[in-house]
Amino acid sequence: MRIFVYGSLRRKQGNSHWMTNAQWLGDHSQENYALYSIGHYPGAVPGEGTILGEVYRIDASTLAELDALRTKGGEYKRQLIRTPYGSAWMYVYQRPVDGLTRIASGNWLDK
């Protein structure tokens, strides 16, 4: 299975250690999403814009660990998207973004 990551799970970012057993497939730009800063990590929500990230091949145990990290408390929901590498999971932010700073470039590294 594959996953698209756009924030702290990307290479050389704060939570990239969760991706140790993942195989990097390539970069990807996902349309129709807006990216917001939630502090030390971002959240993507459906909307106008394009977000930049990376696609990885992962195993079921890595996905379970990421689910525990990202979906607890209902902060994110996993959604299937299309990428040039095949379908991939993406974590979509589930809370209101009112008052949060939008990252206009769609690239968390530009924060």
Protein backbone atom coordinates (compact mmCIF):
# COMPACT_ATOMS: atom_id res chain seq x y z
CA MET A 1 0.00 0.00 0.00
CA ARG A 2 1.01 3.63 -0.45
CA ILE A 3 0.73 6.83 1.57
CA PHE A 4 1.02 10.50 0.62
CA VAL A 5 2.61 12.63 3.36
CA TYR A 6 2.77 16.42 3.25
CA GLY A 7 4.13 17.59 6.61
CA SER A 8 6.11 16.30 9.57
CA LEU A 9 6.32 12.77 8.09
CA ARG A 10 8.30 14.01 5.07
CA ARG A 11 12.03 13.36 4.77
CA LYS A 12 14.17 15.26 7.29
CA GLN A 13 11.12 16.50 9.20
CA GLY A 14 10.25 16.01 12.88
CA ASN A 15 8.27 12.77 12.51
CA SER A 16 10.16 11.25 9.57
CA HIS A 17 11.43 8.48 11.88
CA TRP A 18 7.94 6.93 11.55
CA MET A 19 8.79 6.33 7.87
CA THR A 20 12.00 4.36 8.51
CA ASN A 21 10.62 1.16 6.94
CA ALA A 22 8.88 2.97 4.09
CA GLN A 23 10.10 3.05 0.49
CA TRP A 24 10.11 6.55 -1.03
CA LEU A 25 8.43 6.47 -4.45
CA GLY A 26 8.57 10.16 -5.36
CA ASP A 27 7.20 13.64 -4.95
CA HIS A 28 3.58 14.47 -5.68
CA SER A 29 1.35 17.55 -5.90
CA GLN A 30 -2.25 16.96 -4.80
CA GLU A 31 -4.83 19.36 -6.21
CA ASN A 32 -8.01 20.62 -4.53
CA TYR A 33 -6.57 20.84 -1.02
CA ALA A 34 -5.50 23.78 1.14
CA LEU A 35 -2.70 23.49 3.69
CA TYR A 36 -2.79 25.09 7.15
CA SER A 37 -0.22 25.35 9.93
CA ILE A 38 -1.38 23.80 13.21
CA GLY A 39 1.84 24.66 14.98
CA HIS A 40 4.50 21.97 14.70
CA TYR A 41 2.68 20.20 11.88
CA PRO A 42 0.21 20.99 9.07
CA GLY A 43 -3.31 19.95 8.19
CA ALA A 44 -4.74 19.60 4.70
CA VAL A 45 -8.42 20.23 4.04
CA PRO A 46 -10.45 20.06 0.83
CA GLY A 47 -10.37 23.42 -0.91
CA GLU A 48 -8.75 25.55 -3.55
CA GLY A 49 -5.06 24.93 -3.92
CA THR A 50 -2.40 22.30 -4.35
CA ILE A 51 -0.31 20.70 -1.63
CA LEU A 52 3.15 19.26 -2.12
CA GLY A 53 4.36 16.05 -0.53
CA GLU A 54 5.90 12.62 -0.95
CA VAL A 55 4.51 9.19 -1.75
CA TYR A 56 5.81 6.08 0.03
CA ARG A 57 5.17 2.36 -0.13
CA ILE A 58 4.43 1.13 3.41
CA ASP A 59 3.43 -2.09 5.11
CA ALA A 60 0.36 -2.73 7.26
CA SER A 61 2.20 -2.31 10.55
CA THR A 62 3.52 1.14 9.52
CA LEU A 63 0.01 2.18 8.49
CA ALA A 64 -1.34 1.02 11.87
CA GLU A 65 1.33 3.08 13.68
CA LEU A 66 0.55 6.15 11.57
CA ASP A 67 -3.18 5.70 12.20
CA ALA A 68 -2.49 5.64 15.95
CA LEU A 69 -0.42 8.82 15.60
CA ARG A 70 -2.74 10.73 13.28
CA THR A 71 -6.33 9.60 13.84
CA LYS A 72 -6.55 9.49 17.64
CA GLY A 73 -8.96 12.06 18.92
CA GLY A 74 -10.46 12.51 15.45
CA GLU A 75 -7.88 15.10 14.35
CA TYR A 76 -7.33 13.43 10.95
CA LYS A 77 -9.21 10.97 8.77
CA ARG A 78 -7.53 8.74 6.23
CA GLN A 79 -8.72 9.20 2.64
CA LEU A 80 -7.72 7.44 -0.57
CA ILE A 81 -6.32 9.66 -3.37
CA ARG A 82 -4.86 9.06 -6.82
CA THR A 83 -1.15 9.63 -7.44
CA PRO A 84 1.18 8.85 -10.36
CA TYR A 85 2.37 5.89 -8.23
CA GLY A 86 -1.12 4.46 -7.77
CA SER A 87 -3.76 5.03 -5.13
CA ALA A 88 -2.40 6.27 -1.80
CA TRP A 89 -3.76 7.09 1.62
CA MET A 90 -3.66 10.69 2.81
CA TYR A 91 -4.51 12.13 6.23
CA VAL A 92 -7.11 14.91 5.91
CA TYR A 93 -7.50 17.36 8.80
CA GLN A 94 -10.95 17.14 10.42
CA ARG A 95 -11.09 20.18 12.71
CA PRO A 96 -12.05 23.78 11.84
CA VAL A 97 -9.27 25.85 10.28
CA ASP A 98 -10.69 29.23 11.32
CA GLY A 99 -7.86 31.28 12.82
CA LEU A 100 -5.13 28.99 11.47
CA THR A 101 -2.46 30.28 9.08
CA ARG A 102 -2.84 29.05 5.54
CA ILE A 103 0.37 28.00 3.79
CA ALA A 104 -0.31 29.57 0.40
CA SER A 105 2.45 27.66 -1.41
CA GLY A 106 1.00 24.32 -0.31
CA ASN A 107 4.47 23.27 0.80
CA TRP A 108 4.99 22.66 4.55
CA LEU A 109 8.71 23.32 4.07
CA ASP A 110 7.84 26.95 3.20
CA LYS A 111 6.13 27.55 6.58
